[in-house]
Amino acid sequence: MNKYGLIGHPIAHSLSPALFKAAYEGRYPYDLIEGEDFEASYRRFLEEYTAINVTAPFKELAFAKADVRSQGCEATGAANILFKNNDGCIEAANSDIAGVIGALTCNADLTRTRPYALVVGCGGAAMAAAYALGSLGYHTTIINRSLPKAEVVAGRISKALSAEIHAAGLEDFRRLFRKAGVIVYSLPIALKALDKLSVRDIKGCIIGDGHHKILLEANYRDPSVTPKMTERFQRINPHFTCIDGKEWLLYQAIEAYRIFTSEEPDAEAMRKVVG
């Protein structure tokens, strides 16, 4: 019988088991494979499971294990899916890319935003976001505390997509936030600069109602962009849309479960799980 699961640490809070159960009415088992030791979790996958989801902090380690990788994996250097293909090889995919695209296109009108995007952070989720935004045609900048890492990631994704992907340091956060039509926030902690955003930053350098802006956050459990911040953004700029990380979770899960089973999951049942 096919068997599925999630590896990462910590993952006790994960909604993935409930999402998978809803997707297929509980027809397949899905386990949390909790542990700080990636190699131990990976061995369990090899011994017991058909396919697994991979979450932080293991996405780049999972990428390195694969025999075959999707284009999105190759460009980002990260994988959130590992599965055994019919040739007996370990294959890697990155459904976070589809998660970002789905969350944005199904919750906002991208045609009304400026063609610039900002990705805050440089982990596995951020890399997927940069790839997704580049594929949507945005001139994208990745900002990170370690500028050399951001430059490597930006260069790799830019080459893969023949797209405008750049890197910058965290000191450029406010300037790039102001310019961007889409912001994806993927850091696990809140930057102090979030509380220091000015009216000009939030409106986007324009007199009147402001630019259409979209902010998508990766963290659905403990978001850095609080309801109070969201209310302030939308009070200052009526065209400011904040998208909850659960939307990203939902759309990446829909894509992941298609890859796992080659069956269409019940998306409406899954949406009820994320609320």
Protein backbone atom coordinates (compact mmCIF):
# COMPACT_ATOMS: atom_id res chain seq x y z
CA MET A 1 0.00 0.00 0.00
CA ASN A 2 1.25 3.49 -0.81
CA LYS A 3 2.35 5.44 2.23
CA TYR A 4 3.17 9.13 2.56
CA GLY A 5 4.55 11.52 5.15
CA LEU A 6 6.31 14.75 6.11
CA ILE A 7 9.87 15.22 7.38
CA GLY A 8 11.20 18.31 9.10
CA HIS A 9 11.73 19.77 12.56
CA PRO A 10 9.65 20.89 14.37
CA ILE A 11 6.50 19.61 12.65
CA ALA A 12 4.08 18.63 15.44
CA HIS A 13 1.95 21.68 14.54
CA SER A 14 1.74 20.81 10.82
CA LEU A 15 -1.60 20.82 9.01
CA SER A 16 -0.25 18.43 6.37
CA PRO A 17 -1.80 15.21 7.81
CA ALA A 18 -5.24 16.83 8.00
CA LEU A 19 -4.86 18.26 4.48
CA PHE A 20 -3.85 14.88 3.06
CA LYS A 21 -6.69 13.09 4.83
CA ALA A 22 -9.17 15.62 3.41
CA ALA A 23 -7.62 15.40 -0.06
CA TYR A 24 -8.36 11.68 -0.43
CA GLU A 25 -11.01 10.98 2.22
CA GLY A 26 -8.45 9.15 4.35
CA ARG A 27 -7.74 6.46 1.73
CA TYR A 28 -3.95 6.69 2.19
CA PRO A 29 -1.81 6.83 5.35
CA TYR A 30 0.19 10.01 6.02
CA ASP A 31 2.64 10.32 8.92
CA LEU A 32 4.70 13.01 10.60
CA ILE A 33 8.32 11.84 10.57
CA GLU A 34 9.64 14.13 13.29
CA GLY A 35 13.35 14.47 14.02
CA GLU A 36 16.34 16.80 14.03
CA ASP A 37 18.49 14.23 12.17
CA PHE A 38 17.81 14.52 8.45
CA GLU A 39 19.68 11.32 7.60
CA ALA A 40 17.55 9.29 10.02
CA SER A 41 14.34 10.72 8.55
CA TYR A 42 15.59 10.13 5.02
CA ARG A 43 16.36 6.47 5.80
CA ARG A 44 12.79 6.02 7.05
CA PHE A 45 11.54 7.43 3.75
CA LEU A 46 13.65 4.95 1.80
CA GLU A 47 12.51 2.02 3.94
CA GLU A 48 8.83 2.78 4.48
CA TYR A 49 7.36 5.51 2.27
CA THR A 50 6.29 6.05 -1.33
CA ALA A 51 6.73 9.83 -1.23
CA ILE A 52 7.28 12.55 1.36
CA ASN A 53 6.83 16.25 1.84
CA VAL A 54 9.93 18.06 3.13
CA THR A 55 9.83 21.20 5.23
CA ALA A 56 12.35 23.39 7.09
CA PRO A 57 15.19 22.95 7.73
CA PHE A 58 15.65 20.06 5.28
CA LYS A 59 14.69 21.39 1.82
CA GLU A 60 18.25 21.92 0.58
CA LEU A 61 19.41 18.59 2.04
CA ALA A 62 16.52 16.83 0.27
CA PHE A 63 17.55 18.45 -3.01
CA ALA A 64 21.04 16.96 -2.66
CA LYS A 65 19.67 13.42 -2.24
CA ALA A 66 17.69 13.26 -5.48
CA ASP A 67 18.74 11.37 -8.59
CA VAL A 68 16.30 13.34 -10.77
CA ARG A 69 15.17 16.93 -10.15
CA SER A 70 12.50 19.16 -11.64
CA GLN A 71 13.53 22.40 -13.33
CA GLY A 72 12.21 24.36 -10.36
CA CYS A 73 14.35 22.30 -8.01
CA GLU A 74 17.46 22.77 -10.11
CA ALA A 75 16.95 26.52 -10.24
CA THR A 76 16.23 26.98 -6.53
CA GLY A 77 18.49 24.34 -5.04
CA ALA A 78 15.65 23.21 -2.78
CA ALA A 79 13.05 20.43 -2.80
CA ASN A 80 9.92 20.00 -0.72
CA ILE A 81 8.92 16.70 -2.32
CA LEU A 82 10.82 13.43 -2.67
CA PHE A 83 9.28 10.39 -4.34
CA LYS A 84 10.32 7.05 -5.78
CA ASN A 85 9.74 6.90 -9.52
CA ASN A 86 9.05 3.84 -11.68
CA ASP A 87 12.76 3.44 -12.47
CA GLY A 88 13.63 3.09 -8.80
CA CYS A 89 15.23 6.53 -8.63
CA ILE A 90 14.59 9.24 -6.08
CA GLU A 91 12.95 12.21 -7.76
CA ALA A 92 12.64 15.73 -6.33
CA ALA A 93 10.08 18.44 -7.01
CA ASN A 94 9.22 21.83 -5.55
CA SER A 95 5.49 22.46 -5.09
CA ASP A 96 6.21 25.69 -3.17
CA ILE A 97 6.51 27.33 -6.60
CA ALA A 98 2.94 26.33 -7.50
CA GLY A 99 1.91 27.37 -3.99
CA VAL A 100 3.11 30.94 -4.51
CA ILE A 101 1.58 31.21 -7.97
CA GLY A 102 -1.75 29.80 -6.77
CA ALA A 103 -1.90 31.98 -3.67
CA LEU A 104 -1.21 35.13 -5.70
CA THR A 105 -3.30 34.50 -8.79
CA CYS A 106 -6.34 33.19 -6.91
CA ASN A 107 -6.42 35.96 -4.30
CA ALA A 108 -5.40 39.14 -6.13
CA ASP A 109 -5.39 40.89 -9.51
CA LEU A 110 -1.74 40.81 -10.54
CA THR A 111 -2.41 42.85 -13.66
CA ARG A 112 -2.87 45.97 -11.51
CA THR A 113 0.44 45.76 -9.67
CA ARG A 114 3.77 47.31 -10.65
CA PRO A 115 6.12 44.82 -12.36
CA TYR A 116 8.57 44.72 -9.43
CA ALA A 117 8.68 42.14 -6.67
CA LEU A 118 10.54 41.77 -3.40
CA VAL A 119 11.37 38.48 -1.69
CA VAL A 120 12.44 38.85 1.94
CA GLY A 121 14.73 36.00 3.01
CA CYS A 122 16.76 33.37 1.20
CA GLY A 123 15.67 29.98 2.56
CA GLY A 124 13.91 27.23 0.65
CA ALA A 125 10.54 29.02 0.61
CA ALA A 126 12.12 32.29 -0.51
CA MET A 127 13.93 30.60 -3.38
CA ALA A 128 10.67 29.08 -4.58
CA ALA A 129 8.97 32.47 -4.31
CA ALA A 130 11.70 34.15 -6.39
CA TYR A 131 11.35 31.47 -9.07
CA ALA A 132 7.56 31.82 -9.08
CA LEU A 133 7.69 35.61 -9.36
CA GLY A 134 10.29 35.47 -12.11
CA SER A 135 8.13 33.04 -14.06
CA LEU A 136 5.20 35.46 -13.67
CA GLY A 137 7.30 38.19 -15.29
CA TYR A 138 8.24 40.26 -12.22
CA HIS A 139 11.60 42.00 -11.92
CA THR A 140 12.46 40.42 -8.59
CA THR A 141 14.93 41.30 -5.85
CA ILE A 142 15.89 38.86 -3.08
CA ILE A 143 17.07 40.54 0.12
CA ASN A 144 18.92 38.67 2.83
CA ARG A 145 21.25 39.28 5.74
CA SER A 146 23.91 37.32 3.83
CA LEU A 147 24.22 39.19 0.54
CA PRO A 148 26.61 36.61 -1.04
CA LYS A 149 24.04 33.83 -0.57
CA ALA A 150 21.30 36.00 -2.09
CA GLU A 151 23.56 36.78 -5.05
CA VAL A 152 24.20 33.09 -5.71
CA VAL A 153 20.48 32.25 -5.56
CA ALA A 154 19.48 35.25 -7.69
CA GLY A 155 22.07 34.37 -10.32
CA ARG A 156 20.97 30.75 -10.52
CA ILE A 157 17.25 31.57 -10.86
CA SER A 158 17.91 34.42 -13.28
CA LYS A 159 19.88 32.09 -15.55
CA ALA A 160 17.24 29.34 -15.40
CA LEU A 161 14.38 31.67 -16.32
CA SER A 162 16.24 34.31 -18.37
CA ALA A 163 14.53 36.73 -15.98
CA GLU A 164 15.48 39.84 -14.00
CA ILE A 165 16.36 38.45 -10.55
CA HIS A 166 18.67 40.52 -8.34
CA ALA A 167 20.05 40.49 -4.79
CA ALA A 168 20.32 43.15 -2.09
CA GLY A 169 20.97 43.48 1.63
CA LEU A 170 18.37 43.96 4.35
CA GLU A 171 19.26 47.65 4.55
CA ASP A 172 17.38 48.09 1.26
CA PHE A 173 14.13 46.66 2.67
CA ARG A 174 12.13 49.90 2.86
CA ARG A 175 13.23 51.22 -0.52
CA LEU A 176 12.38 47.96 -2.27
CA PHE A 177 9.13 47.51 -0.32
CA ARG A 178 8.07 50.94 -1.58
CA LYS A 179 8.88 50.03 -5.19
CA ALA A 180 7.41 46.53 -5.25
CA GLY A 181 4.01 45.52 -6.52
CA VAL A 182 4.35 42.11 -4.83
CA ILE A 183 6.20 41.35 -1.60
CA VAL A 184 6.80 37.81 -0.34
CA TYR A 185 7.92 37.68 3.29
CA SER A 186 9.61 34.40 4.20
CA LEU A 187 11.73 35.19 7.26
CA PRO A 188 10.79 33.29 10.47
CA ILE A 189 11.06 36.50 12.50
CA ALA A 190 9.73 40.03 12.05
CA LEU A 191 12.15 42.69 10.87
CA LYS A 192 12.01 45.87 12.96
CA ALA A 193 11.69 47.72 9.67
CA LEU A 194 8.14 46.36 9.28
CA ASP A 195 7.00 48.67 12.09
CA LYS A 196 8.91 51.60 10.59
CA LEU A 197 7.29 51.57 7.15
CA SER A 198 6.15 55.08 6.28
CA VAL A 199 3.02 56.21 4.47
CA ARG A 200 5.19 56.65 1.38
CA ASP A 201 6.52 53.11 1.69
CA ILE A 202 3.03 51.65 2.01
CA LYS A 203 1.48 53.75 -0.75
CA GLY A 204 4.40 53.19 -3.09
CA CYS A 205 5.63 56.72 -3.84
CA ILE A 206 2.34 57.93 -5.23
CA ILE A 207 -0.07 60.70 -4.29
CA GLY A 208 -3.66 59.59 -3.76
CA ASP A 209 -4.82 56.10 -2.93
CA GLY A 210 -1.48 54.48 -3.77
CA HIS A 211 -0.23 51.61 -5.88
CA HIS A 212 -1.87 48.21 -5.84
CA LYS A 213 0.35 46.14 -3.56
CA ILE A 214 0.20 42.48 -2.54
CA LEU A 215 1.99 40.96 0.43
CA LEU A 216 2.16 37.16 0.81
CA GLU A 217 3.69 35.63 3.91
CA ALA A 218 5.12 32.12 4.09
CA ASN A 219 4.60 31.60 7.83
CA TYR A 220 1.00 30.62 8.51
CA ARG A 221 1.49 29.59 12.13
CA ASP A 222 3.15 32.67 13.63
CA PRO A 223 3.12 35.41 10.97
CA SER A 224 5.37 38.46 11.20
CA VAL A 225 2.76 40.62 9.46
CA THR A 226 0.21 40.90 12.25
CA PRO A 227 -3.49 41.76 11.87
CA LYS A 228 -2.65 45.18 13.34
CA MET A 229 -0.04 45.77 10.61
CA THR A 230 -2.44 44.59 7.94
CA GLU A 231 -5.11 46.99 9.18
CA ARG A 232 -2.59 49.85 9.07
CA PHE A 233 -1.43 48.98 5.55
CA GLN A 234 -5.00 48.87 4.24
CA ARG A 235 -6.06 52.03 6.06
CA ILE A 236 -3.18 53.94 4.47
CA ASN A 237 -3.45 52.25 1.07
CA PRO A 238 -6.90 50.83 0.14
CA HIS A 239 -5.21 48.91 -2.69
CA PHE A 240 -3.00 46.89 -0.32
CA THR A 241 -3.82 43.15 -0.21
CA CYS A 242 -2.35 40.83 2.44
CA ILE A 243 -2.52 37.09 1.72
CA ASP A 244 -2.31 34.62 4.59
CA GLY A 245 0.35 31.92 4.51
CA LYS A 246 -2.40 29.29 4.66
CA GLU A 247 -3.16 30.09 1.03
CA TRP A 248 0.42 29.23 0.08
CA LEU A 249 0.15 26.05 2.17
CA LEU A 250 -3.08 25.05 0.44
CA TYR A 251 -1.93 25.52 -3.14
CA GLN A 252 1.44 23.87 -2.62
CA ALA A 253 -0.33 20.91 -0.99
CA ILE A 254 -2.75 20.54 -3.91
CA GLU A 255 0.20 20.37 -6.31
CA ALA A 256 2.19 18.05 -4.04
CA TYR A 257 -0.62 15.53 -3.66
CA ARG A 258 -1.16 15.43 -7.42
CA ILE A 259 2.52 14.52 -7.77
CA PHE A 260 2.31 11.94 -4.97
CA THR A 261 -0.67 9.98 -6.25
CA SER A 262 -1.29 11.03 -9.90
CA GLU A 263 -4.86 11.66 -8.67
CA GLU A 264 -6.72 14.96 -8.34
CA PRO A 265 -7.16 15.86 -4.64
CA ASP A 266 -10.38 17.29 -3.24
CA ALA A 267 -9.39 20.96 -3.14
CA GLU A 268 -12.62 22.12 -1.51
CA ALA A 269 -12.23 19.67 1.36
CA MET A 270 -8.63 20.81 1.79
CA ARG A 271 -9.70 24.46 1.91
CA LYS A 272 -11.98 23.67 4.85
CA VAL A 273 -8.94 22.39 6.75
CA VAL A 274 -6.95 25.61 6.35
CA GLY A 275 -10.02 27.72 7.15
